[in-house]
Every structure is written in structure tokens, then in C-alpha cells.
Amino acid sequence: MKKFAIIAAAAGAFALAGCGDTTDASEDAVADSVEVPADEAMADAPDPVEATESAEEAMAANVEEAEAAGDAAAAAADDALSAAEAAQNVVDEAH
């Protein structure tokens, strides 16, 4: 059984070796066929621009906006609680 497995493996190896191509892959990857198409593809791309504000400035602005939104939400919750208490007082006085 071992001999049969070795013979089958050898036959498979020879079959696969016969399918291979002898040309070198680096011949297809010369500068004219790789770099030129890449440069042409990037020709219409806009140039990079420098950011107008730093990440810290943008984060500080976002923090300020978040704090203002939080304060507004807290004020709205206080107003809603006051309105609910007033409504409860009206209901209590009616009974």
C-alpha cells in the first residue's frame, strides 16, 4: 500500500511539473507594464491638501457641541418634569 501511495504521489508530481511554465514571472512585471498604467490611473486624482484645522481643534469643537447638547437636554428634562408636577397638582386639586 505504501508503494502505491509513493507511486501515485510521484506521478502526480510529474504531472504537475509538466504543467508549469518556464518563463520568469519578473519578465511580465517590468516598469512599462506596471508603473506606467499606475501613473496614468493617478493622473486625474486631486493633489492632497493640508488640513485647515488640527485633530485636537476638531475634537475640542465636538466636545463643546456635545456639552451644549447635553445642557439643552438637561434643561428640556427639567422643563418636562416641572410640567408633569404641575399637571399632577392640577389633578390632585380637582379631586
PDB file of N, CA and C in Angstrom:
ATOM      1  N   MET A   1       0.819  -1.186   0.000  1.00  0.00           N
ATOM      2  CA  MET A   1       0.000   0.000   0.000  1.00  0.00           C
ATOM      3  C   MET A   1       0.866   1.254   0.000  1.00  0.00           C
ATOM      4  N   LYS A   2       2.000   1.186   0.746  1.00  0.00           N
ATOM      5  CA  LYS A   2       2.896   2.339   0.778  1.00  0.00           C
ATOM      6  C   LYS A   2       3.498   2.606  -0.599  1.00  0.00           C
ATOM      7  N   LYS A   3       3.851   1.526  -1.280  1.00  0.00           N
ATOM      8  CA  LYS A   3       4.455   1.682  -2.606  1.00  0.00           C
ATOM      9  C   LYS A   3       3.474   2.349  -3.563  1.00  0.00           C
ATOM     10  N   PHE A   4       2.211   1.941  -3.468  1.00  0.00           N
ATOM     11  CA  PHE A   4       1.196   2.529  -4.344  1.00  0.00           C
ATOM     12  C   PHE A   4       1.038   4.030  -4.058  1.00  0.00           C
ATOM     13  N   ALA A   5       1.060   4.425  -2.796  1.00  0.00           N
ATOM     14  CA  ALA A   5       0.932   5.837  -2.431  1.00  0.00           C
ATOM     15  C   ALA A   5       2.124   6.635  -2.932  1.00  0.00           C
ATOM     16  N   ILE A   6       3.324   6.059  -2.815  1.00  0.00           N
ATOM     17  CA  ILE A   6       4.528   6.750  -3.288  1.00  0.00           C
ATOM     18  C   ILE A   6       4.492   6.895  -4.803  1.00  0.00           C
ATOM     19  N   ILE A   7       4.078   5.843  -5.496  1.00  0.00           N
ATOM     20  CA  ILE A   7       3.996   5.893  -6.964  1.00  0.00           C
ATOM     21  C   ILE A   7       2.949   6.918  -7.399  1.00  0.00           C
ATOM     22  N   ALA A   8       1.807   6.965  -6.708  1.00  0.00           N
ATOM     23  CA  ALA A   8       0.759   7.926  -7.057  1.00  0.00           C
ATOM     24  C   ALA A   8       1.230   9.354  -6.801  1.00  0.00           C
ATOM     25  N   ALA A   9       1.942   9.564  -5.699  1.00  0.00           N
ATOM     26  CA  ALA A   9       2.450  10.902  -5.395  1.00  0.00           C
ATOM     27  C   ALA A   9       3.486  11.334  -6.424  1.00  0.00           C
ATOM     28  N   ALA A  10       4.361  10.413  -6.808  1.00  0.00           N
ATOM     29  CA  ALA A  10       5.376  10.736  -7.812  1.00  0.00           C
ATOM     30  C   ALA A  10       4.726  11.046  -9.153  1.00  0.00           C
ATOM     31  N   ALA A  11       3.722  10.265  -9.532  1.00  0.00           N
ATOM     32  CA  ALA A  11       3.033  10.512 -10.800  1.00  0.00           C
ATOM     33  C   ALA A  11       2.336  11.867 -10.769  1.00  0.00           C
ATOM     34  N   GLY A  12       1.733  12.191  -9.641  1.00  0.00           N
ATOM     35  CA  GLY A  12       1.080  13.497  -9.509  1.00  0.00           C
ATOM     36  C   GLY A  12       2.077  14.635  -9.590  1.00  0.00           C
ATOM     37  N   ALA A  13       3.230  14.447  -8.972  1.00  0.00           N
ATOM     38  CA  ALA A  13       4.259  15.489  -9.016  1.00  0.00           C
ATOM     39  C   ALA A  13       4.766  15.696 -10.433  1.00  0.00           C
ATOM     40  N   PHE A  14       4.992  14.595 -11.156  1.00  0.00           N
ATOM     41  CA  PHE A  14       5.442  14.728 -12.542  1.00  0.00           C
ATOM     42  C   PHE A  14       4.375  15.375 -13.420  1.00  0.00           C
ATOM     43  N   ALA A  15       3.129  15.056 -13.171  1.00  0.00           N
ATOM     44  CA  ALA A  15       2.043  15.646 -13.962  1.00  0.00           C
ATOM     45  C   ALA A  15       1.964  17.145 -13.719  1.00  0.00           C
ATOM     46  N   LEU A  16       2.086  17.541 -12.472  1.00  0.00           N
ATOM     47  CA  LEU A  16       2.043  18.970 -12.170  1.00  0.00           C
ATOM     48  C   LEU A  16       3.280  19.693 -12.678  1.00  0.00           C
ATOM     49  N   ALA A  17       4.418  19.048 -12.640  1.00  0.00           N
ATOM     50  CA  ALA A  17       5.643  19.665 -13.140  1.00  0.00           C
ATOM     51  C   ALA A  17       5.552  19.904 -14.637  1.00  0.00           C
ATOM     52  N   GLY A  18       4.864  19.034 -15.351  1.00  0.00           N
ATOM     53  CA  GLY A  18       4.708  19.204 -16.785  1.00  0.00           C
ATOM     54  C   GLY A  18       3.794  20.357 -17.145  1.00  0.00           C
ATOM     55  N   CYS A  19       2.937  20.766 -16.220  1.00  0.00           N
ATOM     56  CA  CYS A  19       2.009  21.863 -16.485  1.00  0.00           C
ATOM     57  C   CYS A  19       2.650  23.225 -16.309  1.00  0.00           C
ATOM     58  N   GLY A  20       3.771  23.281 -15.644  1.00  0.00           N
ATOM     59  CA  GLY A  20       4.388  24.562 -15.319  1.00  0.00           C
ATOM     60  C   GLY A  20       4.931  25.277 -16.536  1.00  0.00           C
ATOM     61  N   ASP A  21       5.080  26.582 -16.416  1.00  0.00           N
ATOM     62  CA  ASP A  21       5.618  27.415 -17.481  1.00  0.00           C
ATOM     63  C   ASP A  21       7.044  27.779 -17.100  1.00  0.00           C
ATOM     64  N   THR A  22       7.934  27.801 -18.058  1.00  0.00           N
ATOM     65  CA  THR A  22       9.332  28.059 -17.748  1.00  0.00           C
ATOM     66  C   THR A  22       9.684  29.529 -17.786  1.00  0.00           C
ATOM     67  N   THR A  23       8.766  30.399 -18.155  1.00  0.00           N
ATOM     68  CA  THR A  23       9.085  31.825 -18.211  1.00  0.00           C
ATOM     69  C   THR A  23       9.153  32.391 -16.806  1.00  0.00           C
ATOM     70  N   ASP A  24       9.939  33.404 -16.673  1.00  0.00           N
ATOM     71  CA  ASP A  24      10.124  34.046 -15.372  1.00  0.00           C
ATOM     72  C   ASP A  24       9.009  35.063 -15.160  1.00  0.00           C
ATOM     73  N   ALA A  25       8.406  35.048 -14.007  1.00  0.00           N
ATOM     74  CA  ALA A  25       7.299  35.968 -13.721  1.00  0.00           C
ATOM     75  C   ALA A  25       7.764  37.413 -13.693  1.00  0.00           C
ATOM     76  N   SER A  26       9.020  37.640 -13.372  1.00  0.00           N
ATOM     77  CA  SER A  26       9.505  39.017 -13.299  1.00  0.00           C
ATOM     78  C   SER A  26       9.597  39.666 -14.677  1.00  0.00           C
ATOM     79  N   GLU A  27       9.601  38.873 -15.750  1.00  0.00           N
ATOM     80  CA  GLU A  27       9.629  39.450 -17.088  1.00  0.00           C
ATOM     81  C   GLU A  27       8.330  40.178 -17.399  1.00  0.00           C
ATOM     82  N   ASP A  28       7.222  39.704 -16.858  1.00  0.00           N
ATOM     83  CA  ASP A  28       5.936  40.350 -17.097  1.00  0.00           C
ATOM     84  C   ASP A  28       5.771  41.613 -16.264  1.00  0.00           C
ATOM     85  N   ALA A  29       6.536  41.753 -15.217  1.00  0.00           N
ATOM     86  CA  ALA A  29       6.374  42.878 -14.300  1.00  0.00           C
ATOM     87  C   ALA A  29       7.464  43.919 -14.505  1.00  0.00           C
ATOM     88  N   VAL A  30       7.681  44.341 -15.714  1.00  0.00           N
ATOM     89  CA  VAL A  30       8.661  45.391 -15.980  1.00  0.00           C
ATOM     90  C   VAL A  30       8.008  46.745 -15.769  1.00  0.00           C
ATOM     91  N   ALA A  31       8.803  47.779 -15.681  1.00  0.00           N
ATOM     92  CA  ALA A  31       8.294  49.112 -15.366  1.00  0.00           C
ATOM     93  C   ALA A  31       7.258  49.594 -16.372  1.00  0.00           C
ATOM     94  N   ASP A  32       7.431  49.262 -17.644  1.00  0.00           N
ATOM     95  CA  ASP A  32       6.482  49.742 -18.651  1.00  0.00           C
ATOM     96  C   ASP A  32       5.100  49.134 -18.479  1.00  0.00           C
ATOM     97  N   SER A  33       5.031  47.933 -17.962  1.00  0.00           N
ATOM     98  CA  SER A  33       3.725  47.293 -17.848  1.00  0.00           C
ATOM     99  C   SER A  33       3.089  47.460 -16.473  1.00  0.00           C
ATOM    100  N   VAL A  34       3.843  47.924 -15.494  1.00  0.00           N
ATOM    101  CA  VAL A  34       3.301  48.056 -14.144  1.00  0.00           C
ATOM    102  C   VAL A  34       3.191  49.515 -13.726  1.00  0.00           C
ATOM    103  N   GLU A  35       4.290  50.251 -13.794  1.00  0.00           N
ATOM    104  CA  GLU A  35       4.309  51.609 -13.268  1.00  0.00           C
ATOM    105  C   GLU A  35       3.564  52.602 -14.152  1.00  0.00           C
ATOM    106  N   VAL A  36       3.674  52.475 -15.455  1.00  0.00           N
ATOM    107  CA  VAL A  36       3.023  53.431 -16.350  1.00  0.00           C
ATOM    108  C   VAL A  36       1.505  53.384 -16.204  1.00  0.00           C
ATOM    109  N   PRO A  37       0.861  52.214 -16.223  1.00  0.00           N
ATOM    110  CA  PRO A  37      -0.599  52.214 -16.015  1.00  0.00           C
ATOM    111  C   PRO A  37      -0.992  52.764 -14.645  1.00  0.00           C
ATOM    112  N   ALA A  38      -0.170  52.519 -13.642  1.00  0.00           N
ATOM    113  CA  ALA A  38      -0.480  53.046 -12.313  1.00  0.00           C
ATOM    114  C   ALA A  38      -0.369  54.563 -12.302  1.00  0.00           C
ATOM    115  N   ASP A  39       0.639  55.094 -12.954  1.00  0.00           N
ATOM    116  CA  ASP A  39       0.784  56.552 -13.026  1.00  0.00           C
ATOM    117  C   ASP A  39      -0.358  57.174 -13.815  1.00  0.00           C
ATOM    118  N   GLU A  40      -0.769  56.523 -14.905  1.00  0.00           N
ATOM    119  CA  GLU A  40      -1.877  57.050 -15.701  1.00  0.00           C
ATOM    120  C   GLU A  40      -3.181  57.029 -14.915  1.00  0.00           C
ATOM    121  N   ALA A  41      -3.368  56.016 -14.099  1.00  0.00           N
ATOM    122  CA  ALA A  41      -4.590  55.923 -13.301  1.00  0.00           C
ATOM    123  C   ALA A  41      -4.647  57.031 -12.255  1.00  0.00           C
ATOM    124  N   MET A  42      -3.506  57.467 -11.768  1.00  0.00           N
ATOM    125  CA  MET A  42      -3.473  58.501 -10.733  1.00  0.00           C
ATOM    126  C   MET A  42      -3.374  59.913 -11.309  1.00  0.00           C
ATOM    127  N   ALA A  43      -3.331  60.051 -12.625  1.00  0.00           N
ATOM    128  CA  ALA A  43      -3.153  61.366 -13.236  1.00  0.00           C
ATOM    129  C   ALA A  43      -4.314  62.299 -12.930  1.00  0.00           C
ATOM    130  N   ASP A  44      -5.546  61.782 -12.873  1.00  0.00           N
ATOM    131  CA  ASP A  44      -6.717  62.621 -12.634  1.00  0.00           C
ATOM    132  C   ASP A  44      -7.025  62.805 -11.154  1.00  0.00           C
ATOM    133  N   ALA A  45      -6.292  62.157 -10.290  1.00  0.00           N
ATOM    134  CA  ALA A  45      -6.554  62.258  -8.849  1.00  0.00           C
ATOM    135  C   ALA A  45      -6.140  63.639  -8.352  1.00  0.00           C
ATOM    136  N   PRO A  46      -6.934  64.239  -7.480  1.00  0.00           N
ATOM    137  CA  PRO A  46      -6.568  65.561  -6.959  1.00  0.00           C
ATOM    138  C   PRO A  46      -5.355  65.470  -6.039  1.00  0.00           C
ATOM    139  N   ASP A  47      -4.617  66.550  -5.979  1.00  0.00           N
ATOM    140  CA  ASP A  47      -3.462  66.598  -5.095  1.00  0.00           C
ATOM    141  C   ASP A  47      -3.932  66.650  -3.648  1.00  0.00           C
ATOM    142  N   PRO A  48      -3.180  66.075  -2.738  1.00  0.00           N
ATOM    143  CA  PRO A  48      -3.580  66.135  -1.329  1.00  0.00           C
ATOM    144  C   PRO A  48      -3.495  67.572  -0.815  1.00  0.00           C
ATOM    145  N   VAL A  49      -4.414  67.909   0.051  1.00  0.00           N
ATOM    146  CA  VAL A  49      -4.417  69.253   0.632  1.00  0.00           C
ATOM    147  C   VAL A  49      -4.162  69.147   2.122  1.00  0.00           C
ATOM    148  N   GLU A  50      -3.631  70.211   2.664  1.00  0.00           N
ATOM    149  CA  GLU A  50      -3.335  70.237   4.082  1.00  0.00           C
ATOM    150  C   GLU A  50      -4.606  70.540   4.860  1.00  0.00           C
ATOM    151  N   ALA A  51      -4.782  69.882   5.963  1.00  0.00           N
ATOM    152  CA  ALA A  51      -5.971  70.096   6.784  1.00  0.00           C
ATOM    153  C   ALA A  51      -5.963  71.516   7.341  1.00  0.00           C
ATOM    154  N   THR A  52      -7.147  72.136   7.380  1.00  0.00           N
ATOM    155  CA  THR A  52      -7.225  73.512   7.867  1.00  0.00           C
ATOM    156  C   THR A  52      -7.209  73.585   9.380  1.00  0.00           C
ATOM    157  N   GLU A  53      -7.659  72.524  10.046  1.00  0.00           N
ATOM    158  CA  GLU A  53      -7.618  72.524  11.497  1.00  0.00           C
ATOM    159  C   GLU A  53      -7.054  71.197  11.983  1.00  0.00           C
ATOM    160  N   SER A  54      -6.450  71.253  13.129  1.00  0.00           N
ATOM    161  CA  SER A  54      -5.848  70.038  13.657  1.00  0.00           C
ATOM    162  C   SER A  54      -6.912  69.130  14.261  1.00  0.00           C
ATOM    163  N   ALA A  55      -6.522  67.931  14.531  1.00  0.00           N
ATOM    164  CA  ALA A  55      -7.452  66.965  15.118  1.00  0.00           C
ATOM    165  C   ALA A  55      -7.880  67.407  16.510  1.00  0.00           C
ATOM    166  N   GLU A  56      -6.964  68.036  17.251  1.00  0.00           N
ATOM    167  CA  GLU A  56      -7.310  68.499  18.597  1.00  0.00           C
ATOM    168  C   GLU A  56      -8.358  69.603  18.545  1.00  0.00           C
ATOM    169  N   GLU A  57      -8.224  70.515  17.576  1.00  0.00           N
ATOM    170  CA  GLU A  57      -9.202  71.598  17.446  1.00  0.00           C
ATOM    171  C   GLU A  57     -10.572  71.042  17.061  1.00  0.00           C
ATOM    172  N   ALA A  58     -10.587  70.093  16.162  1.00  0.00           N
ATOM    173  CA  ALA A  58     -11.852  69.491  15.742  1.00  0.00           C
ATOM    174  C   ALA A  58     -12.493  68.740  16.903  1.00  0.00           C
ATOM    175  N   MET A  59     -11.665  68.042  17.693  1.00  0.00           N
ATOM    176  CA  MET A  59     -12.199  67.305  18.830  1.00  0.00           C
ATOM    177  C   MET A  59     -12.732  68.270  19.888  1.00  0.00           C
ATOM    178  N   ALA A  60     -12.029  69.379  20.118  1.00  0.00           N
ATOM    179  CA  ALA A  60     -12.489  70.359  21.101  1.00  0.00           C
ATOM    180  C   ALA A  60     -13.831  70.951  20.679  1.00  0.00           C
ATOM    181  N   ALA A  61     -13.986  71.224  19.392  1.00  0.00           N
ATOM    182  CA  ALA A  61     -15.258  71.758  18.900  1.00  0.00           C
ATOM    183  C   ALA A  61     -16.370  70.731  19.085  1.00  0.00           C
ATOM    184  N   ASN A  62     -16.074  69.475  18.831  1.00  0.00           N
ATOM    185  CA  ASN A  62     -17.077  68.424  19.017  1.00  0.00           C
ATOM    186  C   ASN A  62     -17.452  68.267  20.485  1.00  0.00           C
ATOM    187  N   VAL A  63     -16.475  68.397  21.371  1.00  0.00           N
ATOM    188  CA  VAL A  63     -16.749  68.284  22.805  1.00  0.00           C
ATOM    189  C   VAL A  63     -17.645  69.430  23.249  1.00  0.00           C
ATOM    190  N   GLU A  64     -17.346  70.638  22.765  1.00  0.00           N
ATOM    191  CA  GLU A  64     -18.172  71.797  23.130  1.00  0.00           C
ATOM    192  C   GLU A  64     -19.609  71.613  22.639  1.00  0.00           C
ATOM    193  N   GLU A  65     -19.767  71.138  21.415  1.00  0.00           N
ATOM    194  CA  GLU A  65     -21.109  70.905  20.874  1.00  0.00           C
ATOM    195  C   GLU A  65     -21.842  69.833  21.680  1.00  0.00           C
ATOM    196  N   ALA A  66     -21.127  68.786  22.071  1.00  0.00           N
ATOM    197  CA  ALA A  66     -21.746  67.715  22.848  1.00  0.00           C
ATOM    198  C   ALA A  66     -22.165  68.217  24.227  1.00  0.00           C
ATOM    199  N   GLU A  67     -21.323  69.044  24.850  1.00  0.00           N
ATOM    200  CA  GLU A  67     -21.677  69.590  26.159  1.00  0.00           C
ATOM    201  C   GLU A  67     -22.887  70.511  26.056  1.00  0.00           C
ATOM    202  N   ALA A  68     -22.946  71.325  25.008  1.00  0.00           N
ATOM    203  CA  ALA A  68     -24.094  72.213  24.816  1.00  0.00           C
ATOM    204  C   ALA A  68     -25.365  71.398  24.584  1.00  0.00           C
ATOM    205  N   ALA A  69     -25.262  70.338  23.810  1.00  0.00           N
ATOM    206  CA  ALA A  69     -26.428  69.482  23.570  1.00  0.00           C
ATOM    207  C   ALA A  69     -26.862  68.795  24.861  1.00  0.00           C
ATOM    208  N   GLY A  70     -25.912  68.391  25.680  1.00  0.00           N
ATOM    209  CA  GLY A  70     -26.235  67.778  26.963  1.00  0.00           C
ATOM    210  C   GLY A  70     -26.924  68.753  27.896  1.00  0.00           C
ATOM    211  N   ASP A  71     -26.436  69.995  27.924  1.00  0.00           N
ATOM    212  CA  ASP A  71     -27.078  71.022  28.754  1.00  0.00           C
ATOM    213  C   ASP A  71     -28.501  71.292  28.280  1.00  0.00           C
ATOM    214  N   ALA A  72     -28.699  71.365  26.971  1.00  0.00           N
ATOM    215  CA  ALA A  72     -30.037  71.602  26.428  1.00  0.00           C
ATOM    216  C   ALA A  72     -30.969  70.437  26.763  1.00  0.00           C
ATOM    217  N   ALA A  73     -30.463  69.219  26.706  1.00  0.00           N
ATOM    218  CA  ALA A  73     -31.278  68.055  27.043  1.00  0.00           C
ATOM    219  C   ALA A  73     -31.646  68.056  28.522  1.00  0.00           C
ATOM    220  N   ALA A  74     -30.713  68.453  29.372  1.00  0.00           N
ATOM    221  CA  ALA A  74     -30.999  68.520  30.806  1.00  0.00           C
ATOM    222  C   ALA A  74     -32.053  69.582  31.090  1.00  0.00           C
ATOM    223  N   ALA A  75     -31.954  70.722  30.414  1.00  0.00           N
ATOM    224  CA  ALA A  75     -32.947  71.783  30.597  1.00  0.00           C
ATOM    225  C   ALA A  75     -34.324  71.314  30.119  1.00  0.00           C
ATOM    226  N   ALA A  76     -34.368  70.614  29.006  1.00  0.00           N
ATOM    227  CA  ALA A  76     -35.644  70.102  28.499  1.00  0.00           C
ATOM    228  C   ALA A  76     -36.235  69.079  29.470  1.00  0.00           C
ATOM    229  N   ALA A  77     -35.395  68.253  30.055  1.00  0.00           N
ATOM    230  CA  ALA A  77     -35.881  67.271  31.033  1.00  0.00           C
ATOM    231  C   ALA A  77     -36.422  67.968  32.273  1.00  0.00           C
ATOM    232  N   ASP A  78     -35.742  69.023  32.724  1.00  0.00           N
ATOM    233  CA  ASP A  78     -36.229  69.786  33.881  1.00  0.00           C
ATOM    234  C   ASP A  78     -37.577  70.428  33.579  1.00  0.00           C
ATOM    235  N   ASP A  79     -37.715  70.993  32.378  1.00  0.00           N
ATOM    236  CA  ASP A  79     -38.987  71.607  31.984  1.00  0.00           C
ATOM    237  C   ASP A  79     -40.103  70.560  31.933  1.00  0.00           C
ATOM    238  N   ALA A  80     -39.802  69.387  31.406  1.00  0.00           N
ATOM    239  CA  ALA A  80     -40.806  68.327  31.324  1.00  0.00           C
ATOM    240  C   ALA A  80     -41.206  67.854  32.718  1.00  0.00           C
ATOM    241  N   LEU A  81     -40.241  67.759  33.620  1.00  0.00           N
ATOM    242  CA  LEU A  81     -40.539  67.350  34.990  1.00  0.00           C
ATOM    243  C   LEU A  81     -41.404  68.390  35.688  1.00  0.00           C
ATOM    244  N   SER A  82     -41.086  69.659  35.469  1.00  0.00           N
ATOM    245  CA  SER A  82     -41.895  70.731  36.063  1.00  0.00           C
ATOM    246  C   SER A  82     -43.321  70.700  35.522  1.00  0.00           C
ATOM    247  N   ALA A  83     -43.471  70.475  34.231  1.00  0.00           N
ATOM    248  CA  ALA A  83     -44.803  70.403  33.632  1.00  0.00           C
ATOM    249  C   ALA A  83     -45.572  69.202  34.171  1.00  0.00           C
ATOM    250  N   ALA A  84     -44.900  68.084  34.366  1.00  0.00           N
ATOM    251  CA  ALA A  84     -45.561  66.896  34.904  1.00  0.00           C
ATOM    252  C   ALA A  84     -46.006  67.130  36.341  1.00  0.00           C
ATOM    253  N   GLU A  85     -45.164  67.799  37.127  1.00  0.00           N
ATOM    254  CA  GLU A  85     -45.535  68.105  38.510  1.00  0.00           C
ATOM    255  C   GLU A  85     -46.722  69.060  38.556  1.00  0.00           C
ATOM    256  N   ALA A  86     -46.730  70.047  37.666  1.00  0.00           N
ATOM    257  CA  ALA A  86     -47.845  70.991  37.618  1.00  0.00           C
ATOM    258  C   ALA A  86     -49.129  70.273  37.223  1.00  0.00           C
ATOM    259  N   ALA A  87     -49.046  69.372  36.274  1.00  0.00           N
ATOM    260  CA  ALA A  87     -50.226  68.617  35.855  1.00  0.00           C
ATOM    261  C   ALA A  87     -50.718  67.726  36.994  1.00  0.00           C
ATOM    262  N   GLN A  88     -49.809  67.131  37.725  1.00  0.00           N
ATOM    263  CA  GLN A  88     -50.200  66.292  38.861  1.00  0.00           C
ATOM    264  C   GLN A  88     -50.887  67.132  39.935  1.00  0.00           C
ATOM    265  N   ASN A  89     -50.400  68.349  40.167  1.00  0.00           N
ATOM    266  CA  ASN A  89     -51.028  69.240  41.148  1.00  0.00           C
ATOM    267  C   ASN A  89     -52.449  69.601  40.724  1.00  0.00           C
ATOM    268  N   VAL A  90     -52.657  69.852  39.438  1.00  0.00           N
ATOM    269  CA  VAL A  90     -53.991  70.187  38.943  1.00  0.00           C
ATOM    270  C   VAL A  90     -54.927  69.003  39.149  1.00  0.00           C
ATOM    271  N   VAL A  91     -54.443  67.798  38.857  1.00  0.00           N
ATOM    272  CA  VAL A  91     -55.259  66.599  39.032  1.00  0.00           C
ATOM    273  C   VAL A  91     -55.573  66.388  40.513  1.00  0.00           C
ATOM    274  N   ASP A  92     -54.597  66.603  41.375  1.00  0.00           N
ATOM    275  CA  ASP A  92     -54.812  66.421  42.809  1.00  0.00           C
ATOM    276  C   ASP A  92     -55.821  67.431  43.354  1.00  0.00           C
ATOM    277  N   GLU A  93     -55.769  68.675  42.867  1.00  0.00           N
ATOM    278  CA  GLU A  93     -56.693  69.709  43.337  1.00  0.00           C
ATOM    279  C   GLU A  93     -58.108  69.452  42.833  1.00  0.00           C
ATOM    280  N   ALA A  94     -58.247  68.815  41.697  1.00  0.00           N
ATOM    281  CA  ALA A  94     -59.563  68.547  41.128  1.00  0.00           C
ATOM    282  C   ALA A  94     -60.280  67.453  41.907  1.00  0.00           C
ATOM    283  N   HIS A  95     -59.607  66.623  42.595  1.00  0.00           N
ATOM    284  CA  HIS A  95     -60.254  65.531  43.334  1.00  0.00           C
ATOM    285  C   HIS A  95     -60.493  65.954  44.716  1.00  0.00           C
TER     286      HIS A  95
END
